[in-house]
Amino acid sequence: MDIDPPKRWQTLRLKLLWSLPKEPRKKIKDFLRLGDEFYAQGDERLANYCYGLSKRLAQEVGVIHLLKKIDQRVE
């Protein structure tokens, strides 16, 4: 296993958030907020995973201004 149990719990939490019925823009902002929290805790891998999920959702929905915010945080 390449992911220890706490990180596995976090990825499960993120997958649950992905599947919940919610407005896509709010979901993107939730992923960005979680990514910022993980980055502040020093877990860059989970932060990048959150940013990737938010970018994927933003591309599907076509929200350009949120894509720019995501790109700024990834750089």
PDB file of N, CA and C in Angstrom:
ATOM      1  N   MET A   1       0.823  -1.178   0.000  1.00  0.00           N
ATOM      2  CA  MET A   1       0.000   0.000   0.000  1.00  0.00           C
ATOM      3  C   MET A   1       0.872   1.247   0.000  1.00  0.00           C
ATOM      4  N   ASP A   2       0.573   2.152  -0.881  1.00  0.00           N
ATOM      5  CA  ASP A   2       1.364   3.367  -0.972  1.00  0.00           C
ATOM      6  C   ASP A   2       0.762   4.518  -0.183  1.00  0.00           C
ATOM      7  N   ILE A   3      -0.442   4.353   0.353  1.00  0.00           N
ATOM      8  CA  ILE A   3      -1.085   5.409   1.121  1.00  0.00           C
ATOM      9  C   ILE A   3      -1.375   4.869   2.520  1.00  0.00           C
ATOM     10  N   ASP A   4      -0.924   5.583   3.547  1.00  0.00           N
ATOM     11  CA  ASP A   4      -1.184   5.143   4.904  1.00  0.00           C
ATOM     12  C   ASP A   4      -2.631   5.464   5.290  1.00  0.00           C
ATOM     13  N   PRO A   5      -3.155   4.875   6.351  1.00  0.00           N
ATOM     14  CA  PRO A   5      -4.575   5.016   6.686  1.00  0.00           C
ATOM     15  C   PRO A   5      -5.104   6.434   6.816  1.00  0.00           C
ATOM     16  N   PRO A   6      -4.413   7.386   7.463  1.00  0.00           N
ATOM     17  CA  PRO A   6      -5.003   8.734   7.523  1.00  0.00           C
ATOM     18  C   PRO A   6      -5.192   9.362   6.145  1.00  0.00           C
ATOM     19  N   LYS A   7      -4.223   9.171   5.251  1.00  0.00           N
ATOM     20  CA  LYS A   7      -4.364   9.742   3.913  1.00  0.00           C
ATOM     21  C   LYS A   7      -5.464   9.023   3.138  1.00  0.00           C
ATOM     22  N   ARG A   8      -5.596   7.725   3.396  1.00  0.00           N
ATOM     23  CA  ARG A   8      -6.651   6.984   2.718  1.00  0.00           C
ATOM     24  C   ARG A   8      -8.014   7.507   3.162  1.00  0.00           C
ATOM     25  N   TRP A   9      -8.142   7.836   4.445  1.00  0.00           N
ATOM     26  CA  TRP A   9      -9.390   8.406   4.948  1.00  0.00           C
ATOM     27  C   TRP A   9      -9.663   9.739   4.251  1.00  0.00           C
ATOM     28  N   GLN A  10      -8.630  10.540   4.058  1.00  0.00           N
ATOM     29  CA  GLN A  10      -8.812  11.831   3.402  1.00  0.00           C
ATOM     30  C   GLN A  10      -9.235  11.665   1.950  1.00  0.00           C
ATOM     31  N   THR A  11      -8.639  10.717   1.240  1.00  0.00           N
ATOM     32  CA  THR A  11      -9.036  10.509  -0.153  1.00  0.00           C
ATOM     33  C   THR A  11     -10.454   9.975  -0.235  1.00  0.00           C
ATOM     34  N   LEU A  12     -10.859   9.152   0.733  1.00  0.00           N
ATOM     35  CA  LEU A  12     -12.245   8.679   0.776  1.00  0.00           C
ATOM     36  C   LEU A  12     -13.188   9.853   1.002  1.00  0.00           C
ATOM     37  N   ARG A  13     -12.781  10.754   1.879  1.00  0.00           N
ATOM     38  CA  ARG A  13     -13.585  11.955   2.150  1.00  0.00           C
ATOM     39  C   ARG A  13     -13.720  12.802   0.883  1.00  0.00           C
ATOM     40  N   LEU A  14     -12.637  12.911   0.127  1.00  0.00           N
ATOM     41  CA  LEU A  14     -12.672  13.694  -1.112  1.00  0.00           C
ATOM     42  C   LEU A  14     -13.554  13.037  -2.168  1.00  0.00           C
ATOM     43  N   LYS A  15     -13.502  11.711  -2.254  1.00  0.00           N
ATOM     44  CA  LYS A  15     -14.357  11.002  -3.211  1.00  0.00           C
ATOM     45  C   LYS A  15     -15.830  11.145  -2.834  1.00  0.00           C
ATOM     46  N   LEU A  16     -16.103  11.164  -1.523  1.00  0.00           N
ATOM     47  CA  LEU A  16     -17.474  11.367  -1.073  1.00  0.00           C
ATOM     48  C   LEU A  16     -17.945  12.774  -1.434  1.00  0.00           C
ATOM     49  N   LEU A  17     -17.079  13.750  -1.237  1.00  0.00           N
ATOM     50  CA  LEU A  17     -17.420  15.129  -1.604  1.00  0.00           C
ATOM     51  C   LEU A  17     -17.676  15.241  -3.100  1.00  0.00           C
ATOM     52  N   TRP A  18     -16.901  14.512  -3.900  1.00  0.00           N
ATOM     53  CA  TRP A  18     -17.070  14.531  -5.357  1.00  0.00           C
ATOM     54  C   TRP A  18     -18.440  14.001  -5.751  1.00  0.00           C
ATOM     55  N   SER A  19     -18.912  12.971  -5.051  1.00  0.00           N
ATOM     56  CA  SER A  19     -20.160  12.320  -5.455  1.00  0.00           C
ATOM     57  C   SER A  19     -21.410  12.974  -4.867  1.00  0.00           C
ATOM     58  N   LEU A  20     -21.253  13.862  -3.900  1.00  0.00           N
ATOM     59  CA  LEU A  20     -22.418  14.509  -3.315  1.00  0.00           C
ATOM     60  C   LEU A  20     -23.080  15.450  -4.317  1.00  0.00           C
ATOM     61  N   PRO A  21     -24.418  15.481  -4.296  1.00  0.00           N
ATOM     62  CA  PRO A  21     -25.099  16.432  -5.193  1.00  0.00           C
ATOM     63  C   PRO A  21     -24.974  17.848  -4.634  1.00  0.00           C
ATOM     64  N   LYS A  22     -24.257  18.664  -5.352  1.00  0.00           N
ATOM     65  CA  LYS A  22     -24.010  20.035  -4.942  1.00  0.00           C
ATOM     66  C   LYS A  22     -23.723  20.851  -6.185  1.00  0.00           C
ATOM     67  N   GLU A  23     -23.954  22.128  -6.114  1.00  0.00           N
ATOM     68  CA  GLU A  23     -23.649  22.997  -7.247  1.00  0.00           C
ATOM     69  C   GLU A  23     -22.152  22.917  -7.558  1.00  0.00           C
ATOM     70  N   PRO A  24     -21.789  22.744  -8.834  1.00  0.00           N
ATOM     71  CA  PRO A  24     -20.386  22.546  -9.186  1.00  0.00           C
ATOM     72  C   PRO A  24     -19.451  23.665  -8.711  1.00  0.00           C
ATOM     73  N   ARG A  25     -19.888  24.904  -8.756  1.00  0.00           N
ATOM     74  CA  ARG A  25     -19.022  26.006  -8.329  1.00  0.00           C
ATOM     75  C   ARG A  25     -18.713  25.923  -6.835  1.00  0.00           C
ATOM     76  N   LYS A  26     -19.721  25.546  -6.050  1.00  0.00           N
ATOM     77  CA  LYS A  26     -19.496  25.393  -4.621  1.00  0.00           C
ATOM     78  C   LYS A  26     -18.582  24.210  -4.341  1.00  0.00           C
ATOM     79  N   LYS A  27     -18.740  23.164  -5.129  1.00  0.00           N
ATOM     80  CA  LYS A  27     -17.897  21.988  -4.972  1.00  0.00           C
ATOM     81  C   LYS A  27     -16.440  22.319  -5.313  1.00  0.00           C
ATOM     82  N   ILE A  28     -16.235  23.110  -6.354  1.00  0.00           N
ATOM     83  CA  ILE A  28     -14.888  23.524  -6.737  1.00  0.00           C
ATOM     84  C   ILE A  28     -14.261  24.346  -5.615  1.00  0.00           C
ATOM     85  N   LYS A  29     -15.020  25.262  -5.051  1.00  0.00           N
ATOM     86  CA  LYS A  29     -14.504  26.098  -3.964  1.00  0.00           C
ATOM     87  C   LYS A  29     -14.191  25.260  -2.726  1.00  0.00           C
ATOM     88  N   ASP A  30     -14.995  24.231  -2.470  1.00  0.00           N
ATOM     89  CA  ASP A  30     -14.710  23.327  -1.350  1.00  0.00           C
ATOM     90  C   ASP A  30     -13.397  22.589  -1.562  1.00  0.00           C
ATOM     91  N   PHE A  31     -13.168  22.114  -2.788  1.00  0.00           N
ATOM     92  CA  PHE A  31     -11.910  21.429  -3.092  1.00  0.00           C
ATOM     93  C   PHE A  31     -10.720  22.386  -2.964  1.00  0.00           C
ATOM     94  N   LEU A  32     -10.891  23.626  -3.396  1.00  0.00           N
ATOM     95  CA  LEU A  32      -9.822  24.607  -3.256  1.00  0.00           C
ATOM     96  C   LEU A  32      -9.521  24.883  -1.781  1.00  0.00           C
ATOM     97  N   ARG A  33     -10.561  25.008  -0.982  1.00  0.00           N
ATOM     98  CA  ARG A  33     -10.382  25.260   0.447  1.00  0.00           C
ATOM     99  C   ARG A  33      -9.666  24.096   1.113  1.00  0.00           C
ATOM    100  N   LEU A  34     -10.086  22.875   0.778  1.00  0.00           N
ATOM    101  CA  LEU A  34      -9.431  21.698   1.338  1.00  0.00           C
ATOM    102  C   LEU A  34      -7.980  21.591   0.877  1.00  0.00           C
ATOM    103  N   GLY A  35      -7.736  21.909  -0.376  1.00  0.00           N
ATOM    104  CA  GLY A  35      -6.371  21.904  -0.880  1.00  0.00           C
ATOM    105  C   GLY A  35      -5.496  22.899  -0.129  1.00  0.00           C
ATOM    106  N   ASP A  36      -6.040  24.077   0.159  1.00  0.00           N
ATOM    107  CA  ASP A  36      -5.293  25.069   0.925  1.00  0.00           C
ATOM    108  C   ASP A  36      -5.013  24.570   2.343  1.00  0.00           C
ATOM    109  N   GLU A  37      -5.987  23.898   2.936  1.00  0.00           N
ATOM    110  CA  GLU A  37      -5.791  23.353   4.287  1.00  0.00           C
ATOM    111  C   GLU A  37      -4.704  22.280   4.294  1.00  0.00           C
ATOM    112  N   PHE A  38      -4.742  21.390   3.320  1.00  0.00           N
ATOM    113  CA  PHE A  38      -3.731  20.340   3.254  1.00  0.00           C
ATOM    114  C   PHE A  38      -2.343  20.936   3.002  1.00  0.00           C
ATOM    115  N   TYR A  39      -2.286  21.964   2.176  1.00  0.00           N
ATOM    116  CA  TYR A  39      -1.010  22.611   1.886  1.00  0.00           C
ATOM    117  C   TYR A  39      -0.458  23.284   3.144  1.00  0.00           C
ATOM    118  N   ALA A  40      -1.351  23.906   3.928  1.00  0.00           N
ATOM    119  CA  ALA A  40      -0.924  24.552   5.172  1.00  0.00           C
ATOM    120  C   ALA A  40      -0.431  23.523   6.187  1.00  0.00           C
ATOM    121  N   GLN A  41      -0.984  22.316   6.143  1.00  0.00           N
ATOM    122  CA  GLN A  41      -0.564  21.250   7.048  1.00  0.00           C
ATOM    123  C   GLN A  41       0.727  20.587   6.574  1.00  0.00           C
ATOM    124  N   GLY A  42       1.161  20.902   5.368  1.00  0.00           N
ATOM    125  CA  GLY A  42       2.394  20.348   4.839  1.00  0.00           C
ATOM    126  C   GLY A  42       2.206  19.118   3.974  1.00  0.00           C
ATOM    127  N   ASP A  43       0.980  18.785   3.648  1.00  0.00           N
ATOM    128  CA  ASP A  43       0.701  17.612   2.821  1.00  0.00           C
ATOM    129  C   ASP A  43       0.449  18.065   1.385  1.00  0.00           C
ATOM    130  N   GLU A  44       1.527  18.264   0.647  1.00  0.00           N
ATOM    131  CA  GLU A  44       1.419  18.788  -0.715  1.00  0.00           C
ATOM    132  C   GLU A  44       0.776  17.784  -1.666  1.00  0.00           C
ATOM    133  N   ARG A  45       0.953  16.512  -1.395  1.00  0.00           N
ATOM    134  CA  ARG A  45       0.391  15.485  -2.268  1.00  0.00           C
ATOM    135  C   ARG A  45      -1.145  15.528  -2.271  1.00  0.00           C
ATOM    136  N   LEU A  46      -1.737  15.602  -1.076  1.00  0.00           N
ATOM    137  CA  LEU A  46      -3.192  15.701  -1.007  1.00  0.00           C
ATOM    138  C   LEU A  46      -3.685  17.056  -1.512  1.00  0.00           C
ATOM    139  N   ALA A  47      -2.912  18.103  -1.271  1.00  0.00           N
ATOM    140  CA  ALA A  47      -3.297  19.427  -1.770  1.00  0.00           C
ATOM    141  C   ALA A  47      -3.349  19.420  -3.293  1.00  0.00           C
ATOM    142  N   ASN A  48      -2.335  18.842  -3.920  1.00  0.00           N
ATOM    143  CA  ASN A  48      -2.330  18.767  -5.382  1.00  0.00           C
ATOM    144  C   ASN A  48      -3.458  17.886  -5.900  1.00  0.00           C
ATOM    145  N   TYR A  49      -3.803  16.846  -5.160  1.00  0.00           N
ATOM    146  CA  TYR A  49      -4.930  15.988  -5.544  1.00  0.00           C
ATOM    147  C   TYR A  49      -6.233  16.788  -5.516  1.00  0.00           C
ATOM    148  N   CYS A  50      -6.412  17.611  -4.477  1.00  0.00           N
ATOM    149  CA  CYS A  50      -7.608  18.459  -4.386  1.00  0.00           C
ATOM    150  C   CYS A  50      -7.646  19.477  -5.514  1.00  0.00           C
ATOM    151  N   TYR A  51      -6.498  20.083  -5.786  1.00  0.00           N
ATOM    152  CA  TYR A  51      -6.444  21.065  -6.872  1.00  0.00           C
ATOM    153  C   TYR A  51      -6.730  20.396  -8.217  1.00  0.00           C
ATOM    154  N   GLY A  52      -6.261  19.181  -8.388  1.00  0.00           N
ATOM    155  CA  GLY A  52      -6.528  18.444  -9.621  1.00  0.00           C
ATOM    156  C   GLY A  52      -8.005  18.130  -9.795  1.00  0.00           C
ATOM    157  N   LEU A  53      -8.657  17.724  -8.700  1.00  0.00           N
ATOM    158  CA  LEU A  53     -10.095  17.457  -8.770  1.00  0.00           C
ATOM    159  C   LEU A  53     -10.878  18.727  -9.084  1.00  0.00           C
ATOM    160  N   SER A  54     -10.482  19.828  -8.449  1.00  0.00           N
ATOM    161  CA  SER A  54     -11.200  21.073  -8.708  1.00  0.00           C
ATOM    162  C   SER A  54     -10.974  21.537 -10.152  1.00  0.00           C
ATOM    163  N   LYS A  55      -9.769  21.334 -10.671  1.00  0.00           N
ATOM    164  CA  LYS A  55      -9.488  21.728 -12.055  1.00  0.00           C
ATOM    165  C   LYS A  55     -10.290  20.879 -13.035  1.00  0.00           C
ATOM    166  N   ARG A  56     -10.361  19.589 -12.749  1.00  0.00           N
ATOM    167  CA  ARG A  56     -11.132  18.683 -13.611  1.00  0.00           C
ATOM    168  C   ARG A  56     -12.604  19.081 -13.649  1.00  0.00           C
ATOM    169  N   LEU A  57     -13.157  19.395 -12.488  1.00  0.00           N
ATOM    170  CA  LEU A  57     -14.560  19.795 -12.412  1.00  0.00           C
ATOM    171  C   LEU A  57     -14.771  21.148 -13.089  1.00  0.00           C
ATOM    172  N   ALA A  58     -13.841  22.069 -12.903  1.00  0.00           N
ATOM    173  CA  ALA A  58     -13.967  23.392 -13.522  1.00  0.00           C
ATOM    174  C   ALA A  58     -13.907  23.292 -15.044  1.00  0.00           C
ATOM    175  N   GLN A  59     -13.085  22.384 -15.562  1.00  0.00           N
ATOM    176  CA  GLN A  59     -13.013  22.193 -17.008  1.00  0.00           C
ATOM    177  C   GLN A  59     -14.299  21.581 -17.540  1.00  0.00           C
ATOM    178  N   GLU A  60     -14.884  20.646 -16.787  1.00  0.00           N
ATOM    179  CA  GLU A  60     -16.143  20.033 -17.227  1.00  0.00           C
ATOM    180  C   GLU A  60     -17.265  21.061 -17.282  1.00  0.00           C
ATOM    181  N   VAL A  61     -17.298  21.945 -16.286  1.00  0.00           N
ATOM    182  CA  VAL A  61     -18.369  22.932 -16.196  1.00  0.00           C
ATOM    183  C   VAL A  61     -18.085  24.130 -17.091  1.00  0.00           C
ATOM    184  N   GLY A  62     -16.809  24.430 -17.305  1.00  0.00           N
ATOM    185  CA  GLY A  62     -16.438  25.563 -18.145  1.00  0.00           C
ATOM    186  C   GLY A  62     -16.381  26.875 -17.390  1.00  0.00           C
ATOM    187  N   VAL A  63     -15.883  26.822 -16.168  1.00  0.00           N
ATOM    188  CA  VAL A  63     -15.790  28.015 -15.335  1.00  0.00           C
ATOM    189  C   VAL A  63     -14.367  28.567 -15.452  1.00  0.00           C
ATOM    190  N   ILE A  64     -14.205  29.561 -16.298  1.00  0.00           N
ATOM    191  CA  ILE A  64     -12.884  30.076 -16.634  1.00  0.00           C
ATOM    192  C   ILE A  64     -12.233  30.796 -15.452  1.00  0.00           C
ATOM    193  N   HIS A  65     -12.992  31.628 -14.733  1.00  0.00           N
ATOM    194  CA  HIS A  65     -12.377  32.405 -13.652  1.00  0.00           C
ATOM    195  C   HIS A  65     -11.890  31.508 -12.516  1.00  0.00           C
ATOM    196  N   LEU A  66     -12.562  30.391 -12.269  1.00  0.00           N
ATOM    197  CA  LEU A  66     -12.081  29.462 -11.247  1.00  0.00           C
ATOM    198  C   LEU A  66     -10.878  28.662 -11.744  1.00  0.00           C
ATOM    199  N   LEU A  67     -10.818  28.401 -13.046  1.00  0.00           N
ATOM    200  CA  LEU A  67      -9.635  27.741 -13.605  1.00  0.00           C
ATOM    201  C   LEU A  67      -8.390  28.607 -13.412  1.00  0.00           C
ATOM    202  N   LYS A  68      -8.548  29.912 -13.555  1.00  0.00           N
ATOM    203  CA  LYS A  68      -7.418  30.813 -13.356  1.00  0.00           C
ATOM    204  C   LYS A  68      -6.955  30.791 -11.908  1.00  0.00           C
ATOM    205  N   LYS A  69      -7.911  30.744 -10.961  1.00  0.00           N
ATOM    206  CA  LYS A  69      -7.555  30.667  -9.546  1.00  0.00           C
ATOM    207  C   LYS A  69      -6.813  29.368  -9.244  1.00  0.00           C
ATOM    208  N   ILE A  70      -7.274  28.295  -9.823  1.00  0.00           N
ATOM    209  CA  ILE A  70      -6.640  26.989  -9.600  1.00  0.00           C
ATOM    210  C   ILE A  70      -5.218  27.008 -10.146  1.00  0.00           C
ATOM    211  N   ASP A  71      -5.040  27.541 -11.346  1.00  0.00           N
ATOM    212  CA  ASP A  71      -3.708  27.610 -11.945  1.00  0.00           C
ATOM    213  C   ASP A  71      -2.747  28.450 -11.109  1.00  0.00           C
ATOM    214  N   GLN A  72      -3.253  29.523 -10.501  1.00  0.00           N
ATOM    215  CA  GLN A  72      -2.410  30.359  -9.643  1.00  0.00           C
ATOM    216  C   GLN A  72      -1.940  29.576  -8.420  1.00  0.00           C
ATOM    217  N   ARG A  73      -2.798  28.741  -7.878  1.00  0.00           N
ATOM    218  CA  ARG A  73      -2.431  27.989  -6.680  1.00  0.00           C
ATOM    219  C   ARG A  73      -1.512  26.824  -6.993  1.00  0.00           C
ATOM    220  N   VAL A  74      -1.633  26.258  -8.173  1.00  0.00           N
ATOM    221  CA  VAL A  74      -0.790  25.137  -8.547  1.00  0.00           C
ATOM    222  C   VAL A  74       0.624  25.607  -8.849  1.00  0.00           C
ATOM    223  N   GLU A  75       0.761  26.799  -9.408  1.00  0.00           N
ATOM    224  CA  GLU A  75       2.092  27.333  -9.736  1.00  0.00           C
ATOM    225  C   GLU A  75       2.786  27.661  -8.489  1.00  0.00           C
TER     226      GLU A  75
END
